[in-house]
């Protein structure tokens, strides 16, 4: 069976890929959408090799940062990145954009699953919730209804750890079981740096996940 996974190089997407790899032939798709965190792309390339993905595509949609204008801290260089949750880090329908493009590839590959790394602790992000992913899958399948009916496409399901009620720490434990200390090479930081800043909301969530999982966090942080 084939699956396409939205693969950022972050802890959640890498652990999700490691989990799904036991059942699916995985095709990874990584998006450059104008985010400050350029290290994501390096991490995605690294883990595509470690996980031996069947294919890995990096797709540039850098124009999105101009469409987001001054609304988003992850793409606007003049906006500060908060250390705790703030709606300025919610990139407008980012997952809808990512999953739609990933699904186009999945339909072409006759894959039956499209996955992304949203988990139970992502409840504050509307496009991470299972209700959203189910409605989007229904819409995308309707958009390919004739091809599916003719057997030219396979009906897709959009899956995430959130759908399985998995927390970030549970996902981390599963990833570590399969990848060992390679897991510390995943990239979580929102900043444009070569080392995790240790202060942004995502770095703080990473620290909490290791603590909740009962694991030593060997990540290098600029500010531990």
Protein backbone atom coordinates (compact mmCIF):
# COMPACT_ATOMS: atom_id res chain seq x y z
CA UNK A 1 0.00 0.00 0.00
CA UNK A 2 1.11 3.55 -0.76
CA UNK A 3 0.91 6.66 1.39
CA UNK A 4 1.97 10.27 0.84
CA UNK A 5 3.13 12.12 3.94
CA UNK A 6 3.56 15.84 4.49
CA UNK A 7 7.13 15.71 5.72
CA UNK A 8 8.57 18.84 7.33
CA UNK A 9 11.58 17.28 9.02
CA UNK A 10 10.09 18.12 12.40
CA UNK A 11 9.62 15.73 15.28
CA UNK A 12 5.95 15.10 14.59
CA UNK A 13 6.21 14.37 10.86
CA UNK A 14 9.33 12.23 11.25
CA UNK A 15 7.79 10.15 14.06
CA UNK A 16 4.58 9.79 12.04
CA UNK A 17 6.59 8.59 9.03
CA UNK A 18 8.52 6.09 11.17
CA UNK A 19 5.23 4.76 12.50
CA UNK A 20 3.58 4.43 9.07
CA UNK A 21 6.64 2.99 7.34
CA UNK A 22 5.93 -0.45 8.82
CA UNK A 23 2.70 -0.66 6.82
CA UNK A 24 3.04 1.64 3.81
CA UNK A 25 5.38 2.51 0.96
CA UNK A 26 5.98 6.13 1.88
CA UNK A 27 6.30 9.13 -0.43
CA UNK A 28 7.35 12.33 1.33
CA UNK A 29 6.49 15.86 0.30
CA UNK A 30 8.11 18.88 1.94
CA UNK A 31 6.99 22.46 1.41
CA UNK A 32 9.08 25.61 1.27
CA UNK A 33 6.40 28.21 1.93
CA UNK A 34 8.60 31.13 2.93
CA UNK A 35 9.03 30.02 6.52
CA UNK A 36 11.88 31.45 8.58
CA UNK A 37 12.94 27.96 9.67
CA UNK A 38 15.05 26.99 6.68
CA UNK A 39 16.66 24.17 8.69
CA UNK A 40 13.41 22.24 8.23
CA UNK A 41 14.40 21.46 4.66
CA UNK A 42 17.81 20.11 5.66
CA UNK A 43 16.21 17.89 8.31
CA UNK A 44 13.61 16.66 5.83
CA UNK A 45 16.31 15.63 3.35
CA UNK A 46 18.25 13.86 6.10
CA UNK A 47 15.28 11.85 7.36
CA UNK A 48 14.05 11.00 3.88
CA UNK A 49 17.33 9.08 3.54
CA UNK A 50 17.23 7.60 7.04
CA UNK A 51 13.66 6.36 6.55
CA UNK A 52 14.33 5.31 2.95
CA UNK A 53 11.26 7.01 1.56
CA UNK A 54 10.31 5.75 -1.90
CA UNK A 55 10.43 9.33 -3.17
CA UNK A 56 10.93 12.71 -1.55
CA UNK A 57 9.88 15.95 -3.20
CA UNK A 58 10.59 19.46 -1.96
CA UNK A 59 7.98 21.79 -3.41
CA UNK A 60 8.43 25.55 -3.44
CA UNK A 61 5.35 27.60 -2.68
CA UNK A 62 7.33 30.56 -1.37
CA UNK A 63 4.76 32.95 -2.79
CA UNK A 64 2.52 32.05 0.17
CA UNK A 65 4.49 34.30 2.51
CA UNK A 66 3.44 37.30 0.41
CA UNK A 67 -0.20 36.25 0.57
CA UNK A 68 0.01 35.99 4.35
CA UNK A 69 1.25 39.60 4.36
CA UNK A 70 1.68 40.90 7.94
CA UNK A 71 -0.50 38.31 9.62
CA UNK A 72 1.95 35.55 10.42
CA UNK A 73 5.05 35.40 12.61
CA UNK A 74 6.47 32.30 10.93
CA UNK A 75 6.82 34.00 7.55
CA UNK A 76 7.03 37.74 8.23
CA UNK A 77 10.65 38.71 9.04
CA UNK A 78 9.52 41.80 10.97
CA UNK A 79 7.28 39.91 13.40
CA UNK A 80 8.68 38.45 16.61
CA UNK A 81 8.11 34.76 17.25
CA UNK A 82 6.26 34.25 20.55
CA UNK A 83 7.44 31.91 23.30
CA UNK A 84 3.90 30.74 24.07
CA UNK A 85 0.88 30.09 21.89
CA UNK A 86 -0.39 33.13 20.06
CA UNK A 87 -2.63 33.19 16.99
CA UNK A 88 0.15 34.90 15.04
CA UNK A 89 1.81 31.48 14.64
CA UNK A 90 -1.31 29.89 13.16
CA UNK A 91 -0.51 29.97 9.44
CA UNK A 92 -3.88 30.47 7.66
CA UNK A 93 -5.12 27.09 6.33
CA UNK A 94 -1.54 25.94 5.88
CA UNK A 95 -2.51 22.30 6.24
CA UNK A 96 -5.34 22.68 3.74
CA UNK A 97 -2.81 23.94 1.19
CA UNK A 98 -0.25 21.23 2.04
CA UNK A 99 -2.78 18.39 2.09
CA UNK A 100 -4.45 19.44 -1.16
CA UNK A 101 -1.11 19.38 -2.99
CA UNK A 102 -0.11 16.13 -1.28
CA UNK A 103 -3.45 14.62 -2.28
CA UNK A 104 -2.93 15.59 -5.91
CA UNK A 105 0.29 13.56 -5.79
CA UNK A 106 -1.49 10.73 -3.98
CA UNK A 107 -4.19 10.52 -6.64
CA UNK A 108 -1.48 10.38 -9.32
CA UNK A 109 0.36 7.64 -7.40
CA UNK A 110 -2.84 5.70 -6.71
CA UNK A 111 -2.01 6.02 -3.02
CA UNK A 112 -4.82 5.49 -0.55
CA UNK A 113 -3.51 7.46 2.42
CA UNK A 114 -2.35 11.03 2.91
CA UNK A 115 -0.78 11.70 6.30
CA UNK A 116 0.47 14.62 8.35
CA UNK A 117 1.85 14.92 11.85
CA UNK A 118 -0.99 16.66 13.71
CA UNK A 119 -1.51 15.16 17.18
CA UNK A 120 -3.83 15.49 20.17
CA UNK A 121 -1.88 18.41 21.65
CA UNK A 122 -2.51 20.48 18.49
CA UNK A 123 -6.09 21.26 19.48
CA UNK A 124 -5.57 25.02 19.25
CA UNK A 125 -4.82 24.71 15.52
CA UNK A 126 -8.11 24.37 13.58
CA UNK A 127 -6.51 22.68 10.56
CA UNK A 128 -5.01 19.95 12.77
CA UNK A 129 -8.33 18.67 14.11
CA UNK A 130 -9.79 15.36 12.84
CA UNK A 131 -13.05 17.10 11.88
CA UNK A 132 -11.12 19.29 9.47
CA UNK A 133 -9.11 16.44 7.90
CA UNK A 134 -12.23 14.32 7.38
CA UNK A 135 -14.12 17.17 5.72
CA UNK A 136 -11.14 17.96 3.50
CA UNK A 137 -10.78 14.30 2.47
CA UNK A 138 -14.48 14.19 1.59
CA UNK A 139 -14.10 17.32 -0.55
CA UNK A 140 -10.98 16.04 -2.33
CA UNK A 141 -12.53 12.66 -3.04
CA UNK A 142 -15.59 14.42 -4.44
CA UNK A 143 -13.25 16.44 -6.65
CA UNK A 144 -11.90 13.17 -8.11
CA UNK A 145 -15.20 11.27 -7.97
CA UNK A 146 -15.26 10.37 -11.66
CA UNK A 147 -11.66 9.16 -11.69
CA UNK A 148 -12.32 7.07 -8.59
CA UNK A 149 -15.47 5.62 -10.12
CA UNK A 150 -13.57 4.66 -13.29
CA UNK A 151 -10.78 3.03 -11.30
CA UNK A 152 -8.20 5.60 -12.43
CA UNK A 153 -7.74 6.92 -8.89
CA UNK A 154 -8.01 5.49 -5.42
CA UNK A 155 -10.20 7.07 -2.79
CA UNK A 156 -7.92 8.70 -0.23
CA UNK A 157 -8.09 8.90 3.53
CA UNK A 158 -6.35 11.72 5.40
CA UNK A 159 -4.76 10.38 8.57
CA UNK A 160 -2.89 11.97 11.46
CA UNK A 161 -1.84 10.85 14.95
CA UNK A 162 -4.64 13.14 16.19
CA UNK A 163 -7.15 10.84 14.46
CA UNK A 164 -5.72 8.00 16.58
CA UNK A 165 -5.83 10.22 19.71
CA UNK A 166 -2.04 10.14 20.05
CA UNK A 167 -0.27 12.86 22.04
CA UNK A 168 3.03 14.46 21.08
CA UNK A 169 4.87 12.53 23.81
CA UNK A 170 3.33 9.20 22.74
CA UNK A 171 4.32 9.90 19.16
CA UNK A 172 7.83 10.80 20.33
CA UNK A 173 8.22 7.52 22.22
CA UNK A 174 7.17 5.55 19.14
CA UNK A 175 9.59 7.51 16.97
CA UNK A 176 12.46 6.98 19.38
CA UNK A 177 11.80 3.23 19.48
CA UNK A 178 12.24 3.11 15.71
CA UNK A 179 14.95 5.77 15.19
CA UNK A 180 16.90 5.91 18.44
CA UNK A 181 18.96 9.06 19.01
CA UNK A 182 18.50 10.15 15.38
CA UNK A 183 15.31 11.69 16.74
CA UNK A 184 17.36 14.56 18.20
CA UNK A 185 18.24 15.63 14.65
CA UNK A 186 14.62 16.54 13.90
CA UNK A 187 13.95 20.27 13.64
CA UNK A 188 11.28 22.06 15.68
CA UNK A 189 12.47 25.66 16.01
CA UNK A 190 10.57 28.48 14.31
CA UNK A 191 13.63 30.72 14.05
CA UNK A 192 16.15 31.09 11.24
CA UNK A 193 19.14 29.54 13.00
CA UNK A 194 21.40 26.48 12.86
CA UNK A 195 20.70 25.54 16.49
CA UNK A 196 17.30 25.38 18.21
CA UNK A 197 16.69 28.69 19.95
CA UNK A 198 15.10 27.08 23.01
CA UNK A 199 12.70 29.97 23.52
CA UNK A 200 10.06 29.89 20.79
CA UNK A 201 6.70 28.19 21.29
CA UNK A 202 7.74 25.17 19.24
CA UNK A 203 11.03 24.66 21.11
CA UNK A 204 9.13 24.88 24.39
CA UNK A 205 6.64 22.28 23.17
CA UNK A 206 9.55 20.04 22.19
CA UNK A 207 11.02 20.29 25.68
CA UNK A 208 7.67 19.44 27.26
CA UNK A 209 7.23 16.42 24.98
CA UNK A 210 10.56 14.93 26.08
CA UNK A 211 9.70 15.59 29.73
CA UNK A 212 6.24 14.01 29.37
CA UNK A 213 7.78 11.02 27.60
CA UNK A 214 10.25 10.57 30.46
CA UNK A 215 13.19 10.95 28.09
CA UNK A 216 16.40 12.94 28.33
CA UNK A 217 16.32 15.76 25.79
CA UNK A 218 19.66 15.76 23.98
CA UNK A 219 18.66 18.56 21.62
CA UNK A 220 21.14 21.43 21.42
CA UNK A 221 19.43 24.68 22.39
CA UNK A 222 20.92 28.16 22.24
CA UNK A 223 18.97 28.95 25.40
CA UNK A 224 18.39 25.69 27.35
